[in-house]
Amino acid sequence: MSLTLVTGTVWAAYFLLLPEVQSSDYVIAPVGAFLLGGVLGLTALYERRRQSRLRRLGLWDGS
């Protein structure tokens, strides 16, 4: 969850600091950024669970 919030906040700030921001961008940028952060957060969660499953089965040595 924290990865999602951090990533979303960084992307929202980036989109809002671009030159020539329109009024609709103040709504679209945070929503889009938090969705992007959510996708990245879920991907990281999936990868951590996959690695722990492979370790448990003895198929992955951590390298």
PDB file of N, CA and C in Angstrom:
ATOM      1  N   MET A   1       0.824  -1.197   0.000  1.00  0.00           N
ATOM      2  CA  MET A   1       0.000   0.000   0.000  1.00  0.00           C
ATOM      3  C   MET A   1       0.865   1.256   0.000  1.00  0.00           C
ATOM      4  N   SER A   2       1.941   1.240   0.778  1.00  0.00           N
ATOM      5  CA  SER A   2       2.785   2.436   0.834  1.00  0.00           C
ATOM      6  C   SER A   2       3.500   2.666  -0.491  1.00  0.00           C
ATOM      7  N   LEU A   3       3.880   1.580  -1.178  1.00  0.00           N
ATOM      8  CA  LEU A   3       4.506   1.730  -2.488  1.00  0.00           C
ATOM      9  C   LEU A   3       3.544   2.396  -3.469  1.00  0.00           C
ATOM     10  N   THR A   4       2.293   2.028  -3.402  1.00  0.00           N
ATOM     11  CA  THR A   4       1.277   2.627  -4.265  1.00  0.00           C
ATOM     12  C   THR A   4       1.147   4.118  -3.999  1.00  0.00           C
ATOM     13  N   LEU A   5       1.090   4.500  -2.740  1.00  0.00           N
ATOM     14  CA  LEU A   5       0.940   5.919  -2.392  1.00  0.00           C
ATOM     15  C   LEU A   5       2.164   6.732  -2.784  1.00  0.00           C
ATOM     16  N   VAL A   6       3.354   6.198  -2.535  1.00  0.00           N
ATOM     17  CA  VAL A   6       4.579   6.927  -2.873  1.00  0.00           C
ATOM     18  C   VAL A   6       4.695   7.092  -4.383  1.00  0.00           C
ATOM     19  N   THR A   7       4.502   6.008  -5.124  1.00  0.00           N
ATOM     20  CA  THR A   7       4.598   6.081  -6.577  1.00  0.00           C
ATOM     21  C   THR A   7       3.537   7.010  -7.152  1.00  0.00           C
ATOM     22  N   GLY A   8       2.317   6.901  -6.648  1.00  0.00           N
ATOM     23  CA  GLY A   8       1.247   7.775  -7.118  1.00  0.00           C
ATOM     24  C   GLY A   8       1.517   9.233  -6.832  1.00  0.00           C
ATOM     25  N   THR A   9       2.044   9.526  -5.661  1.00  0.00           N
ATOM     26  CA  THR A   9       2.350  10.909  -5.295  1.00  0.00           C
ATOM     27  C   THR A   9       3.442  11.486  -6.183  1.00  0.00           C
ATOM     28  N   VAL A  10       4.476  10.709  -6.444  1.00  0.00           N
ATOM     29  CA  VAL A  10       5.572  11.185  -7.297  1.00  0.00           C
ATOM     30  C   VAL A  10       5.068  11.467  -8.711  1.00  0.00           C
ATOM     31  N   TRP A  11       4.310  10.548  -9.284  1.00  0.00           N
ATOM     32  CA  TRP A  11       3.793  10.758 -10.636  1.00  0.00           C
ATOM     33  C   TRP A  11       2.796  11.910 -10.682  1.00  0.00           C
ATOM     34  N   ALA A  12       1.956  12.049  -9.680  1.00  0.00           N
ATOM     35  CA  ALA A  12       0.997  13.160  -9.655  1.00  0.00           C
ATOM     36  C   ALA A  12       1.737  14.493  -9.613  1.00  0.00           C
ATOM     37  N   ALA A  13       2.766  14.578  -8.780  1.00  0.00           N
ATOM     38  CA  ALA A  13       3.553  15.814  -8.709  1.00  0.00           C
ATOM     39  C   ALA A  13       4.223  16.102 -10.049  1.00  0.00           C
ATOM     40  N   TYR A  14       4.758  15.070 -10.676  1.00  0.00           N
ATOM     41  CA  TYR A  14       5.404  15.249 -11.982  1.00  0.00           C
ATOM     42  C   TYR A  14       4.412  15.781 -13.015  1.00  0.00           C
ATOM     43  N   PHE A  15       3.239  15.151 -13.108  1.00  0.00           N
ATOM     44  CA  PHE A  15       2.251  15.583 -14.091  1.00  0.00           C
ATOM     45  C   PHE A  15       1.758  16.993 -13.812  1.00  0.00           C
ATOM     46  N   LEU A  16       1.622  17.360 -12.551  1.00  0.00           N
ATOM     47  CA  LEU A  16       1.094  18.682 -12.218  1.00  0.00           C
ATOM     48  C   LEU A  16       2.142  19.785 -12.338  1.00  0.00           C
ATOM     49  N   LEU A  17       3.426  19.428 -12.330  1.00  0.00           N
ATOM     50  CA  LEU A  17       4.476  20.435 -12.461  1.00  0.00           C
ATOM     51  C   LEU A  17       4.889  20.688 -13.908  1.00  0.00           C
ATOM     52  N   LEU A  18       4.295  19.976 -14.838  1.00  0.00           N
ATOM     53  CA  LEU A  18       4.590  20.217 -16.245  1.00  0.00           C
ATOM     54  C   LEU A  18       4.077  21.597 -16.646  1.00  0.00           C
ATOM     55  N   PRO A  19       4.732  22.252 -17.608  1.00  0.00           N
ATOM     56  CA  PRO A  19       4.246  23.564 -18.041  1.00  0.00           C
ATOM     57  C   PRO A  19       2.901  23.451 -18.761  1.00  0.00           C
ATOM     58  N   GLU A  20       2.157  24.526 -18.742  1.00  0.00           N
ATOM     59  CA  GLU A  20       0.862  24.640 -19.420  1.00  0.00           C
ATOM     60  C   GLU A  20      -0.140  23.597 -18.936  1.00  0.00           C
ATOM     61  N   VAL A  21      -0.305  23.499 -17.630  1.00  0.00           N
ATOM     62  CA  VAL A  21      -1.273  22.572 -17.048  1.00  0.00           C
ATOM     63  C   VAL A  21      -2.671  23.161 -17.195  1.00  0.00           C
ATOM     64  N   GLN A  22      -3.607  22.358 -17.691  1.00  0.00           N
ATOM     65  CA  GLN A  22      -4.991  22.799 -17.829  1.00  0.00           C
ATOM     66  C   GLN A  22      -5.760  22.434 -16.567  1.00  0.00           C
ATOM     67  N   SER A  23      -6.928  23.021 -16.406  1.00  0.00           N
ATOM     68  CA  SER A  23      -7.696  22.781 -15.182  1.00  0.00           C
ATOM     69  C   SER A  23      -8.130  21.324 -15.050  1.00  0.00           C
ATOM     70  N   SER A  24      -8.410  20.650 -16.146  1.00  0.00           N
ATOM     71  CA  SER A  24      -8.807  19.236 -16.067  1.00  0.00           C
ATOM     72  C   SER A  24      -7.645  18.342 -15.639  1.00  0.00           C
ATOM     73  N   ASP A  25      -6.417  18.800 -15.846  1.00  0.00           N
ATOM     74  CA  ASP A  25      -5.249  18.006 -15.458  1.00  0.00           C
ATOM     75  C   ASP A  25      -5.146  17.846 -13.947  1.00  0.00           C
ATOM     76  N   TYR A  26      -5.729  18.769 -13.190  1.00  0.00           N
ATOM     77  CA  TYR A  26      -5.676  18.660 -11.735  1.00  0.00           C
ATOM     78  C   TYR A  26      -6.521  17.495 -11.227  1.00  0.00           C
ATOM     79  N   VAL A  27      -7.440  17.020 -12.034  1.00  0.00           N
ATOM     80  CA  VAL A  27      -8.242  15.844 -11.679  1.00  0.00           C
ATOM     81  C   VAL A  27      -7.635  14.586 -12.288  1.00  0.00           C
ATOM     82  N   ILE A  28      -7.232  14.676 -13.538  1.00  0.00           N
ATOM     83  CA  ILE A  28      -6.744  13.513 -14.267  1.00  0.00           C
ATOM     84  C   ILE A  28      -5.382  13.050 -13.754  1.00  0.00           C
ATOM     85  N   ALA A  29      -4.478  13.978 -13.459  1.00  0.00           N
ATOM     86  CA  ALA A  29      -3.120  13.602 -13.054  1.00  0.00           C
ATOM     87  C   ALA A  29      -3.090  12.766 -11.778  1.00  0.00           C
ATOM     88  N   PRO A  30      -3.729  13.179 -10.685  1.00  0.00           N
ATOM     89  CA  PRO A  30      -3.669  12.339  -9.479  1.00  0.00           C
ATOM     90  C   PRO A  30      -4.354  10.984  -9.657  1.00  0.00           C
ATOM     91  N   VAL A  31      -5.488  10.967 -10.343  1.00  0.00           N
ATOM     92  CA  VAL A  31      -6.198   9.695 -10.534  1.00  0.00           C
ATOM     93  C   VAL A  31      -5.357   8.743 -11.375  1.00  0.00           C
ATOM     94  N   GLY A  32      -4.835   9.236 -12.477  1.00  0.00           N
ATOM     95  CA  GLY A  32      -3.991   8.405 -13.336  1.00  0.00           C
ATOM     96  C   GLY A  32      -2.722   7.956 -12.639  1.00  0.00           C
ATOM     97  N   ALA A  33      -2.136   8.850 -11.868  1.00  0.00           N
ATOM     98  CA  ALA A  33      -0.902   8.507 -11.164  1.00  0.00           C
ATOM     99  C   ALA A  33      -1.149   7.455 -10.094  1.00  0.00           C
ATOM    100  N   PHE A  34      -2.247   7.565  -9.358  1.00  0.00           N
ATOM    101  CA  PHE A  34      -2.525   6.559  -8.330  1.00  0.00           C
ATOM    102  C   PHE A  34      -2.917   5.221  -8.948  1.00  0.00           C
ATOM    103  N   LEU A  35      -3.550   5.233 -10.112  1.00  0.00           N
ATOM    104  CA  LEU A  35      -3.812   3.975 -10.812  1.00  0.00           C
ATOM    105  C   LEU A  35      -2.501   3.334 -11.261  1.00  0.00           C
ATOM    106  N   LEU A  36      -1.589   4.151 -11.790  1.00  0.00           N
ATOM    107  CA  LEU A  36      -0.274   3.647 -12.180  1.00  0.00           C
ATOM    108  C   LEU A  36       0.472   3.112 -10.968  1.00  0.00           C
ATOM    109  N   GLY A  37       0.414   3.835  -9.865  1.00  0.00           N
ATOM    110  CA  GLY A  37       1.041   3.363  -8.632  1.00  0.00           C
ATOM    111  C   GLY A  37       0.432   2.064  -8.148  1.00  0.00           C
ATOM    112  N   GLY A  38      -0.880   1.921  -8.303  1.00  0.00           N
ATOM    113  CA  GLY A  38      -1.548   0.683  -7.909  1.00  0.00           C
ATOM    114  C   GLY A  38      -1.089  -0.500  -8.735  1.00  0.00           C
ATOM    115  N   VAL A  39      -0.938  -0.289 -10.035  1.00  0.00           N
ATOM    116  CA  VAL A  39      -0.456  -1.367 -10.903  1.00  0.00           C
ATOM    117  C   VAL A  39       0.967  -1.759 -10.514  1.00  0.00           C
ATOM    118  N   LEU A  40       1.820  -0.767 -10.285  1.00  0.00           N
ATOM    119  CA  LEU A  40       3.197  -1.074  -9.892  1.00  0.00           C
ATOM    120  C   LEU A  40       3.247  -1.749  -8.527  1.00  0.00           C
ATOM    121  N   GLY A  41       2.415  -1.313  -7.601  1.00  0.00           N
ATOM    122  CA  GLY A  41       2.373  -1.930  -6.279  1.00  0.00           C
ATOM    123  C   GLY A  41       1.900  -3.366  -6.328  1.00  0.00           C
ATOM    124  N   LEU A  42       0.869  -3.632  -7.120  1.00  0.00           N
ATOM    125  CA  LEU A  42       0.379  -5.008  -7.256  1.00  0.00           C
ATOM    126  C   LEU A  42       1.397  -5.900  -7.959  1.00  0.00           C
ATOM    127  N   THR A  43       2.130  -5.338  -8.921  1.00  0.00           N
ATOM    128  CA  THR A  43       3.181  -6.104  -9.588  1.00  0.00           C
ATOM    129  C   THR A  43       4.282  -6.476  -8.604  1.00  0.00           C
ATOM    130  N   ALA A  44       4.684  -5.533  -7.761  1.00  0.00           N
ATOM    131  CA  ALA A  44       5.712  -5.819  -6.757  1.00  0.00           C
ATOM    132  C   ALA A  44       5.227  -6.860  -5.756  1.00  0.00           C
ATOM    133  N   LEU A  45       3.978  -6.760  -5.333  1.00  0.00           N
ATOM    134  CA  LEU A  45       3.412  -7.741  -4.403  1.00  0.00           C
ATOM    135  C   LEU A  45       3.385  -9.131  -5.032  1.00  0.00           C
ATOM    136  N   TYR A  46       2.966  -9.222  -6.280  1.00  0.00           N
ATOM    137  CA  TYR A  46       2.939 -10.505  -6.983  1.00  0.00           C
ATOM    138  C   TYR A  46       4.346 -11.098  -7.071  1.00  0.00           C
ATOM    139  N   GLU A  47       5.328 -10.268  -7.410  1.00  0.00           N
ATOM    140  CA  GLU A  47       6.702 -10.756  -7.551  1.00  0.00           C
ATOM    141  C   GLU A  47       7.252 -11.252  -6.216  1.00  0.00           C
ATOM    142  N   ARG A  48       6.989 -10.538  -5.136  1.00  0.00           N
ATOM    143  CA  ARG A  48       7.454 -10.993  -3.814  1.00  0.00           C
ATOM    144  C   ARG A  48       6.819 -12.323  -3.436  1.00  0.00           C
ATOM    145  N   ARG A  49       5.549 -12.471  -3.707  1.00  0.00           N
ATOM    146  CA  ARG A  49       4.872 -13.746  -3.393  1.00  0.00           C
ATOM    147  C   ARG A  49       5.387 -14.879  -4.269  1.00  0.00           C
ATOM    148  N   ARG A  50       5.675 -14.590  -5.526  1.00  0.00           N
ATOM    149  CA  ARG A  50       6.216 -15.607  -6.422  1.00  0.00           C
ATOM    150  C   ARG A  50       7.575 -16.079  -5.933  1.00  0.00           C
ATOM    151  N   GLN A  51       8.426 -15.130  -5.530  1.00  0.00           N
ATOM    152  CA  GLN A  51       9.751 -15.498  -5.038  1.00  0.00           C
ATOM    153  C   GLN A  51       9.668 -16.313  -3.756  1.00  0.00           C
ATOM    154  N   SER A  52       8.786 -15.936  -2.848  1.00  0.00           N
ATOM    155  CA  SER A  52       8.674 -16.708  -1.603  1.00  0.00           C
ATOM    156  C   SER A  52       8.128 -18.108  -1.874  1.00  0.00           C
ATOM    157  N   ARG A  53       7.223 -18.246  -2.837  1.00  0.00           N
ATOM    158  CA  ARG A  53       6.707 -19.571  -3.194  1.00  0.00           C
ATOM    159  C   ARG A  53       7.811 -20.432  -3.792  1.00  0.00           C
ATOM    160  N   LEU A  54       8.634 -19.848  -4.672  1.00  0.00           N
ATOM    161  CA  LEU A  54       9.728 -20.608  -5.267  1.00  0.00           C
ATOM    162  C   LEU A  54      10.771 -20.994  -4.224  1.00  0.00           C
ATOM    163  N   ARG A  55      11.047 -20.095  -3.270  1.00  0.00           N
ATOM    164  CA  ARG A  55      11.970 -20.436  -2.174  1.00  0.00           C
ATOM    165  C   ARG A  55      11.421 -21.592  -1.349  1.00  0.00           C
ATOM    166  N   ARG A  56      10.142 -21.527  -1.030  1.00  0.00           N
ATOM    167  CA  ARG A  56       9.513 -22.571  -0.224  1.00  0.00           C
ATOM    168  C   ARG A  56       9.573 -23.925  -0.922  1.00  0.00           C
ATOM    169  N   LEU A  57       9.422 -23.941  -2.248  1.00  0.00           N
ATOM    170  CA  LEU A  57       9.477 -25.182  -3.011  1.00  0.00           C
ATOM    171  C   LEU A  57      10.902 -25.633  -3.307  1.00  0.00           C
ATOM    172  N   GLY A  58      11.885 -24.776  -2.985  1.00  0.00           N
ATOM    173  CA  GLY A  58      13.287 -25.111  -3.222  1.00  0.00           C
ATOM    174  C   GLY A  58      13.717 -24.963  -4.666  1.00  0.00           C
ATOM    175  N   LEU A  59      12.988 -24.172  -5.432  1.00  0.00           N
ATOM    176  CA  LEU A  59      13.302 -23.994  -6.850  1.00  0.00           C
ATOM    177  C   LEU A  59      14.073 -22.709  -7.138  1.00  0.00           C
ATOM    178  N   TRP A  60      14.264 -21.877  -6.132  1.00  0.00           N
ATOM    179  CA  TRP A  60      14.932 -20.591  -6.345  1.00  0.00           C
ATOM    180  C   TRP A  60      15.899 -20.353  -5.207  1.00  0.00           C
ATOM    181  N   ASP A  61      17.140 -19.997  -5.544  1.00  0.00           N
ATOM    182  CA  ASP A  61      18.162 -19.821  -4.515  1.00  0.00           C
ATOM    183  C   ASP A  61      18.363 -18.369  -4.110  1.00  0.00           C
ATOM    184  N   GLY A  62      17.636 -17.443  -4.698  1.00  0.00           N
ATOM    185  CA  GLY A  62      17.726 -16.037  -4.317  1.00  0.00           C
ATOM    186  C   GLY A  62      18.710 -15.229  -5.125  1.00  0.00           C
ATOM    187  N   SER A  63      19.360 -15.829  -6.117  1.00  0.00           N
ATOM    188  CA  SER A  63      20.336 -15.078  -6.911  1.00  0.00           C
ATOM    189  C   SER A  63      19.693 -14.438  -8.116  1.00  0.00           C
TER     190      SER A  63
END
